[in-house]
Structure formats: C-alpha cells, structure tokens
Amino acid sequence: MFFNKKKNKHFESLGLASIMGIHLVSGVVVGMAMGYYLDKFLGTKPWMTILFLVFGIIAGYKNMFREMQRIQKKEAEADAEEKSEKD
C-alpha cells in the first residue's frame, strides 16, 4: 500500500474531527436560515429566527454527540480486535 497505517490513522482522525465541526455549523446555519425565511413569510420579525437558531444549535450539538459516540464505538472495536490479535 502507498500509505502506512500510522499516517492513514492521522488522516482519518483529521477527517472525523472536521465532520464533527461540519455537523455543528450546518445545524446552526440551517436553523437560522429556516427561521429567517419563516420570519419574512409570517412577518414575525425576530422570533422565528431566534427560535430556529436555538433549535439549530441543539440539533448541531446532538449530531456532534452522536458522531462522537460512533467514533468511540469504532475505536473500542478496533482496540478489542487489536488486543485479540496479540493474544
């Protein structure tokens, strides 16, 4: 293979960290955009923007938390596999 496993793990970790950041930012942006356009449509100036911004923040953290749990589970499985190979 062109890359050794150690370097490949570093790139994988970098990719996973960037995915967590994207989850957080995308939730906030989508929530704020939905609130902004609902405010324009309904004429409720700041309220929908604030409400959906809060929903977006909550959704972003929830997605980030789920991703972190998935990563931890994957790491635990890899550690268990590595440990079983040593034995």
Protein backbone atom coordinates (compact mmCIF):
# COMPACT_ATOMS: atom_id res chain seq x y z
CA MET A 1 0.00 0.00 0.00
CA PHE A 2 1.14 3.57 -0.62
CA PHE A 3 0.46 4.84 2.90
CA ASN A 4 1.38 3.16 6.12
CA LYS A 5 -1.31 2.56 8.74
CA LYS A 6 0.04 5.11 11.18
CA LYS A 7 -0.19 8.03 8.74
CA ASN A 8 -3.55 6.80 7.50
CA LYS A 9 -4.91 6.90 11.07
CA HIS A 10 -3.88 10.53 11.41
CA PHE A 11 -5.74 11.48 8.25
CA GLU A 12 -8.76 9.51 9.39
CA SER A 13 -8.77 11.33 12.74
CA LEU A 14 -8.49 14.67 10.97
CA GLY A 15 -11.42 13.78 8.75
CA LEU A 16 -13.57 12.70 11.68
CA ALA A 17 -12.81 15.92 13.56
CA SER A 18 -13.78 18.01 10.56
CA ILE A 19 -17.03 16.07 10.19
CA MET A 20 -17.93 16.91 13.79
CA GLY A 21 -17.35 20.60 13.09
CA ILE A 22 -19.44 20.43 9.93
CA HIS A 23 -22.30 18.83 11.90
CA LEU A 24 -22.26 21.67 14.41
CA VAL A 25 -22.06 24.50 11.88
CA SER A 26 -24.59 23.05 9.44
CA GLY A 27 -27.23 22.66 12.15
CA VAL A 28 -26.87 26.29 13.18
CA VAL A 29 -26.90 27.61 9.60
CA VAL A 30 -29.92 25.56 8.54
CA GLY A 31 -31.86 26.52 11.68
CA MET A 32 -31.09 30.20 11.27
CA ALA A 33 -31.98 30.19 7.57
CA MET A 34 -35.29 28.45 8.25
CA GLY A 35 -36.14 30.97 10.96
CA TYR A 36 -35.17 33.92 8.79
CA TYR A 37 -37.35 32.85 5.89
CA LEU A 38 -40.25 31.98 8.18
CA ASP A 39 -39.95 35.48 9.68
CA LYS A 40 -40.10 37.01 6.20
CA PHE A 41 -43.10 34.85 5.27
CA LEU A 42 -45.07 35.25 8.52
CA GLY A 43 -43.97 38.78 9.45
CA THR A 44 -42.82 37.85 12.96
CA LYS A 45 -39.53 39.75 12.71
CA PRO A 46 -37.01 38.28 15.20
CA TRP A 47 -38.93 35.48 16.92
CA MET A 48 -38.75 32.64 14.41
CA THR A 49 -35.10 33.39 13.71
CA ILE A 50 -34.26 33.19 17.41
CA LEU A 51 -36.37 30.07 17.94
CA PHE A 52 -34.97 28.17 14.96
CA LEU A 53 -31.43 29.33 15.77
CA VAL A 54 -31.80 27.69 19.18
CA PHE A 55 -33.23 24.56 17.52
CA GLY A 56 -30.28 24.55 15.10
CA ILE A 57 -27.76 24.82 17.93
CA ILE A 58 -29.42 21.95 19.78
CA ALA A 59 -29.55 19.82 16.61
CA GLY A 60 -25.90 20.58 15.84
CA TYR A 61 -24.74 19.50 19.29
CA LYS A 62 -26.94 16.42 19.15
CA ASN A 63 -25.46 15.38 15.79
CA MET A 64 -21.95 16.08 17.05
CA PHE A 65 -22.61 13.97 20.16
CA ARG A 66 -23.94 11.07 18.06
CA GLU A 67 -20.89 11.25 15.80
CA MET A 68 -18.58 11.21 18.81
CA GLN A 69 -20.35 8.13 20.20
CA ARG A 70 -19.99 6.41 16.81
CA ILE A 71 -16.27 7.22 16.73
CA GLN A 72 -15.76 5.94 20.28
CA LYS A 73 -17.58 2.70 19.48
CA LYS A 74 -15.46 2.22 16.36
CA GLU A 75 -12.25 2.85 18.34
CA ALA A 76 -13.31 0.41 21.07
CA GLU A 77 -14.00 -2.30 18.47
CA ALA A 78 -10.62 -1.65 16.82
CA ASP A 79 -8.86 -1.85 20.20
CA ALA A 80 -10.63 -5.10 21.06
CA GLU A 81 -9.66 -6.56 17.68
CA GLU A 82 -6.05 -5.46 18.13
CA LYS A 83 -5.97 -6.95 21.62
CA SER A 84 -7.38 -10.27 20.39
CA GLU A 85 -4.73 -10.41 17.63
CA LYS A 86 -1.95 -10.00 20.22
CA ASP A 87 -3.25 -12.88 22.32
